[in-house]
Amino acid sequence: MSPKLLRFGLCTLALCALGSTSCKEGGGSSSKRKSDRARWVDSPSSGTSTDNKIVIPGLGVSFEKPEVLYVYKECAETAHSPDGPDKKWIPVIRCESATSGDYDEYADEESSGGGLSMTIYAAHKDRVINERTVETFRASYQNAGYIVDDVSFMEDYMGKPGRRGVEARLHLMDSSTGYPSREIQRFMFPRGDVLFIVHIDYPYGDDRSGINNDWQRIFWNFEFDEEIAAASVGEG
């Protein structure tokens, strides 16, 4: 199975399981006025790119490619074709690993399996995301067949005010060997009525150092319009 199809299958398995939980949020009624971001999820439109910066006005986000990346070196706005379970996830930004022939001290072609990606998705928020739902997430992942390394609720994730959500690190088992074959890292956090999902998966045993460094840099450079405006006022 190709890495792309495997990533799609992993996302589908986990979110189908989560969708079976009873933590649906009552505010999902169609009568409730949708935000601009939620309307973008319904009908995505492309943003603009200049140099290393991507701006998507409809979603109210911008992303600047970090100057230094070790694994996920090529970042771009994706085609916003619905993905994930029931086609409910909309890819926003995707960073791909080094192409064949590129050497990297943290992740070369041999160890990474030839291609890895880190994707930031947007979806409608249809569930509560807080510290009380951590165990629900844990049980759902376990029921889906994952070995749960950690599931935690994070306040102001990585020092970003307002980035409150659930981070999970999971292992996918190889039934033929009984050992983990892949590791999955995911952070899910709401912004109003939209849920953002940051997702990576990679062969189990790969050196995490470069992956974690890239995760932090890419996530830090994914910003919301209101954050940028607040920072400008603070600087003024």
Protein backbone atom coordinates (compact mmCIF):
# COMPACT_ATOMS: atom_id res chain seq x y z
CA MET A 1 0.00 0.00 0.00
CA SER A 2 1.34 3.45 -0.88
CA PRO A 3 2.15 5.91 1.96
CA LYS A 4 -0.62 8.23 0.66
CA LEU A 5 -3.29 5.53 0.80
CA LEU A 6 -2.03 4.36 4.19
CA ARG A 7 -2.25 7.88 5.62
CA PHE A 8 -5.83 8.18 4.32
CA GLY A 9 -6.73 4.83 5.88
CA LEU A 10 -5.24 5.81 9.23
CA CYS A 11 -7.22 9.04 9.31
CA THR A 12 -10.41 7.25 8.35
CA LEU A 13 -10.07 4.50 10.95
CA ALA A 14 -9.43 6.87 13.84
CA LEU A 15 -12.09 9.45 13.05
CA CYS A 16 -14.77 6.85 12.27
CA ALA A 17 -14.17 5.52 15.76
CA LEU A 18 -14.31 8.99 17.27
CA GLY A 19 -17.53 9.69 15.41
CA SER A 20 -19.20 6.85 17.30
CA THR A 21 -18.76 8.57 20.64
CA SER A 22 -21.51 10.46 22.43
CA CYS A 23 -19.58 13.74 22.82
CA LYS A 24 -21.43 15.51 20.00
CA GLU A 25 -21.87 19.17 20.67
CA GLY A 26 -25.41 20.49 20.70
CA GLY A 27 -24.43 23.70 18.92
CA GLY A 28 -24.11 22.01 15.54
CA SER A 29 -27.61 22.88 14.41
CA SER A 30 -27.96 24.16 10.86
CA SER A 31 -30.03 27.02 12.24
CA LYS A 32 -26.97 28.45 13.96
CA ARG A 33 -25.24 31.10 11.90
CA LYS A 34 -21.99 29.77 10.47
CA SER A 35 -18.78 31.72 10.72
CA ASP A 36 -16.80 32.72 7.65
CA ARG A 37 -14.41 29.88 8.43
CA ALA A 38 -17.22 27.33 8.54
CA ARG A 39 -18.54 28.61 5.22
CA TRP A 40 -15.04 28.18 3.79
CA VAL A 41 -15.09 24.53 4.91
CA ASP A 42 -18.37 24.13 3.01
CA SER A 43 -16.95 25.77 -0.12
CA PRO A 44 -13.15 26.08 -0.02
CA SER A 45 -11.43 28.72 -2.11
CA SER A 46 -7.75 29.06 -2.90
CA GLY A 47 -5.54 31.65 -1.30
CA THR A 48 -2.52 33.49 -2.64
CA SER A 49 1.18 32.70 -2.42
CA THR A 50 4.05 35.17 -2.44
CA ASP A 51 7.61 34.05 -1.81
CA ASN A 52 7.28 31.65 1.15
CA LYS A 53 3.99 32.99 2.50
CA ILE A 54 0.50 31.61 1.89
CA VAL A 55 -2.60 33.66 2.74
CA ILE A 56 -6.11 32.15 2.66
CA PRO A 57 -8.54 35.02 3.39
CA GLY A 58 -11.70 32.91 3.43
CA LEU A 59 -10.33 30.72 6.19
CA GLY A 60 -8.65 33.63 7.94
CA VAL A 61 -5.22 31.97 8.08
CA SER A 62 -1.72 32.57 6.80
CA PHE A 63 1.35 30.38 6.74
CA GLU A 64 4.98 31.25 6.19
CA LYS A 65 7.34 28.42 5.39
CA PRO A 66 10.06 28.21 8.07
CA GLU A 67 13.58 28.92 6.87
CA VAL A 68 14.92 25.68 8.36
CA LEU A 69 13.13 22.35 8.02
CA TYR A 70 14.72 18.93 8.39
CA VAL A 71 12.12 16.46 7.14
CA TYR A 72 9.01 18.18 5.72
CA LYS A 73 10.87 20.46 3.35
CA GLU A 74 8.35 21.41 0.66
CA CYS A 75 5.28 23.30 1.93
CA ALA A 76 2.33 24.50 -0.15
CA GLU A 77 -1.39 25.16 -0.10
CA THR A 78 -3.10 21.93 -1.09
CA ALA A 79 -5.90 21.29 -3.50
CA HIS A 80 -8.82 21.51 -1.09
CA SER A 81 -10.45 18.23 -2.05
CA PRO A 82 -12.40 16.74 0.87
CA ASP A 83 -10.43 14.03 2.64
CA GLY A 84 -10.66 11.86 5.71
CA PRO A 85 -13.72 10.02 7.05
CA ASP A 86 -16.90 10.75 5.13
CA LYS A 87 -14.92 13.40 3.22
CA LYS A 88 -15.24 15.85 6.13
CA TRP A 89 -11.63 17.02 6.41
CA ILE A 90 -10.43 19.79 4.10
CA PRO A 91 -6.64 19.86 3.59
CA VAL A 92 -5.26 23.38 3.99
CA ILE A 93 -1.45 23.22 4.11
CA ARG A 94 0.74 20.23 3.37
CA CYS A 95 4.50 19.91 3.83
CA GLU A 96 6.23 17.02 2.08
CA SER A 97 9.47 15.26 2.93
CA ALA A 98 12.70 15.42 0.95
CA THR A 99 12.62 14.11 -2.59
CA SER A 100 14.67 11.16 -3.74
CA GLY A 101 18.39 11.80 -3.64
CA ASP A 102 18.28 14.45 -0.92
CA TYR A 103 20.25 13.56 2.15
CA ASP A 104 19.12 14.74 5.55
CA GLU A 105 20.82 14.07 8.86
CA TYR A 106 17.43 13.48 10.52
CA ALA A 107 15.40 11.69 7.87
CA ASP A 108 16.79 10.15 4.70
CA GLU A 109 14.91 8.22 2.03
CA GLU A 110 15.81 4.83 3.47
CA SER A 111 14.47 5.56 6.95
CA SER A 112 11.41 7.56 5.93
CA GLY A 113 10.15 5.06 3.37
CA GLY A 114 10.43 7.51 0.48
CA GLY A 115 7.83 10.11 1.36
CA LEU A 116 6.24 11.66 4.43
CA SER A 117 3.85 14.55 4.83
CA MET A 118 2.54 16.83 7.53
CA THR A 119 -0.95 18.13 6.84
CA ILE A 120 -3.10 20.77 8.50
CA TYR A 121 -6.82 20.16 7.95
CA ALA A 122 -9.97 22.16 8.67
CA ALA A 123 -13.37 20.63 9.45
CA HIS A 124 -16.65 21.54 11.07
CA LYS A 125 -16.46 21.28 14.85
CA ASP A 126 -19.06 18.71 15.84
CA ARG A 127 -17.76 17.77 19.27
CA VAL A 128 -16.46 19.31 22.45
CA ILE A 129 -12.68 19.43 22.73
CA ASN A 130 -11.57 19.90 26.35
CA GLU A 131 -9.87 18.13 29.24
CA ARG A 132 -13.03 16.15 30.05
CA THR A 133 -13.03 14.45 26.64
CA VAL A 134 -9.46 13.10 26.83
CA GLU A 135 -10.55 9.69 28.12
CA THR A 136 -13.22 9.49 25.44
CA PHE A 137 -10.55 10.04 22.80
CA ARG A 138 -8.31 7.46 24.47
CA ALA A 139 -11.04 4.82 24.50
CA SER A 140 -11.98 5.55 20.90
CA TYR A 141 -8.41 5.14 19.68
CA GLN A 142 -8.01 1.92 21.65
CA ASN A 143 -11.28 0.58 20.24
CA ALA A 144 -9.98 1.37 16.76
CA GLY A 145 -6.99 -0.90 17.39
CA TYR A 146 -4.30 1.63 18.19
CA ILE A 147 -1.75 1.37 20.96
CA VAL A 148 -2.04 4.71 22.74
CA ASP A 149 1.30 6.17 23.74
CA ASP A 150 -0.28 9.37 25.04
CA VAL A 151 -3.47 11.44 24.78
CA SER A 152 -3.42 14.78 26.58
CA PHE A 153 -5.30 18.05 26.72
CA MET A 154 -3.01 21.01 26.10
CA GLU A 155 -3.54 24.62 27.17
CA ASP A 156 -1.92 27.24 24.92
CA TYR A 157 -0.17 24.54 22.93
CA MET A 158 3.49 25.35 22.25
CA GLY A 159 3.01 28.79 23.80
CA LYS A 160 0.35 29.86 21.30
CA PRO A 161 -2.48 31.56 23.25
CA GLY A 162 -5.85 30.06 22.42
CA ARG A 163 -4.43 26.85 20.95
CA ARG A 164 -6.25 24.55 23.36
CA GLY A 165 -6.79 21.02 22.17
CA VAL A 166 -6.07 17.32 22.37
CA GLU A 167 -2.74 15.88 21.29
CA ALA A 168 -2.40 12.16 20.60
CA ARG A 169 0.58 9.94 19.89
CA LEU A 170 -0.48 6.51 18.66
CA HIS A 171 1.09 3.33 17.33
CA LEU A 172 -0.33 1.22 14.53
CA MET A 173 0.47 -2.44 15.08
CA ASP A 174 1.67 -4.93 12.48
CA SER A 175 -0.46 -8.00 13.08
CA SER A 176 2.11 -10.29 11.44
CA THR A 177 4.91 -9.31 13.84
CA GLY A 178 3.07 -7.99 16.88
CA TYR A 179 5.25 -4.88 16.85
CA PRO A 180 4.37 -1.28 15.96
CA SER A 181 4.76 -0.44 12.29
CA ARG A 182 3.88 3.26 12.28
CA GLU A 183 3.61 6.14 14.71
CA ILE A 184 0.93 8.82 14.44
CA GLN A 185 0.98 12.27 15.98
CA ARG A 186 -2.10 14.47 15.87
CA PHE A 187 -3.24 17.71 17.48
CA MET A 188 -6.89 18.75 17.23
CA PHE A 189 -8.00 22.19 18.36
CA PRO A 190 -11.14 24.29 17.77
CA ARG A 191 -11.35 27.84 16.50
CA GLY A 192 -14.94 28.95 16.88
CA ASP A 193 -17.10 26.50 14.98
CA VAL A 194 -14.19 25.03 12.99
CA LEU A 195 -11.87 22.23 14.07
CA PHE A 196 -8.25 22.26 12.92
CA ILE A 197 -6.30 19.01 12.76
CA VAL A 198 -2.52 18.77 12.47
CA HIS A 199 -1.53 15.25 11.42
CA ILE A 200 1.62 13.26 10.68
CA ASP A 201 2.46 9.58 10.57
CA TYR A 202 5.80 7.93 9.93
CA PRO A 203 7.51 4.55 10.25
CA TYR A 204 7.86 3.49 13.86
CA GLY A 205 11.43 3.88 15.02
CA ASP A 206 12.30 6.88 12.84
CA ASP A 207 14.36 9.51 14.63
CA ARG A 208 11.83 11.94 16.15
CA SER A 209 14.24 14.85 16.55
CA GLY A 210 13.91 16.30 13.06
CA ILE A 211 10.22 15.44 12.90
CA ASN A 212 9.49 17.19 16.19
CA ASN A 213 11.53 20.24 15.22
CA ASP A 214 9.60 20.57 11.97
CA TRP A 215 6.27 20.00 13.74
CA GLN A 216 6.97 22.92 16.07
CA ARG A 217 8.17 25.28 13.34
CA ILE A 218 5.34 24.52 10.94
CA PHE A 219 2.66 24.76 13.62
CA TRP A 220 4.11 28.02 14.98
CA ASN A 221 4.02 29.61 11.51
CA PHE A 222 0.37 28.66 10.92
CA GLU A 223 -1.44 31.78 12.13
CA PHE A 224 -4.95 33.17 12.35
CA ASP A 225 -5.88 36.69 11.25
CA GLU A 226 -7.05 37.64 14.74
CA GLU A 227 -3.74 36.53 16.25
CA ILE A 228 -1.80 38.67 13.80
CA ALA A 229 -4.07 41.66 14.49
CA ALA A 230 -3.71 41.24 18.26
CA ALA A 231 0.07 41.02 17.97
CA SER A 232 0.13 44.23 15.89
CA VAL A 233 -1.89 46.07 18.53
CA GLY A 234 0.46 44.80 21.23
CA GLU A 235 3.49 45.99 19.33
CA GLY A 236 1.87 49.39 18.82
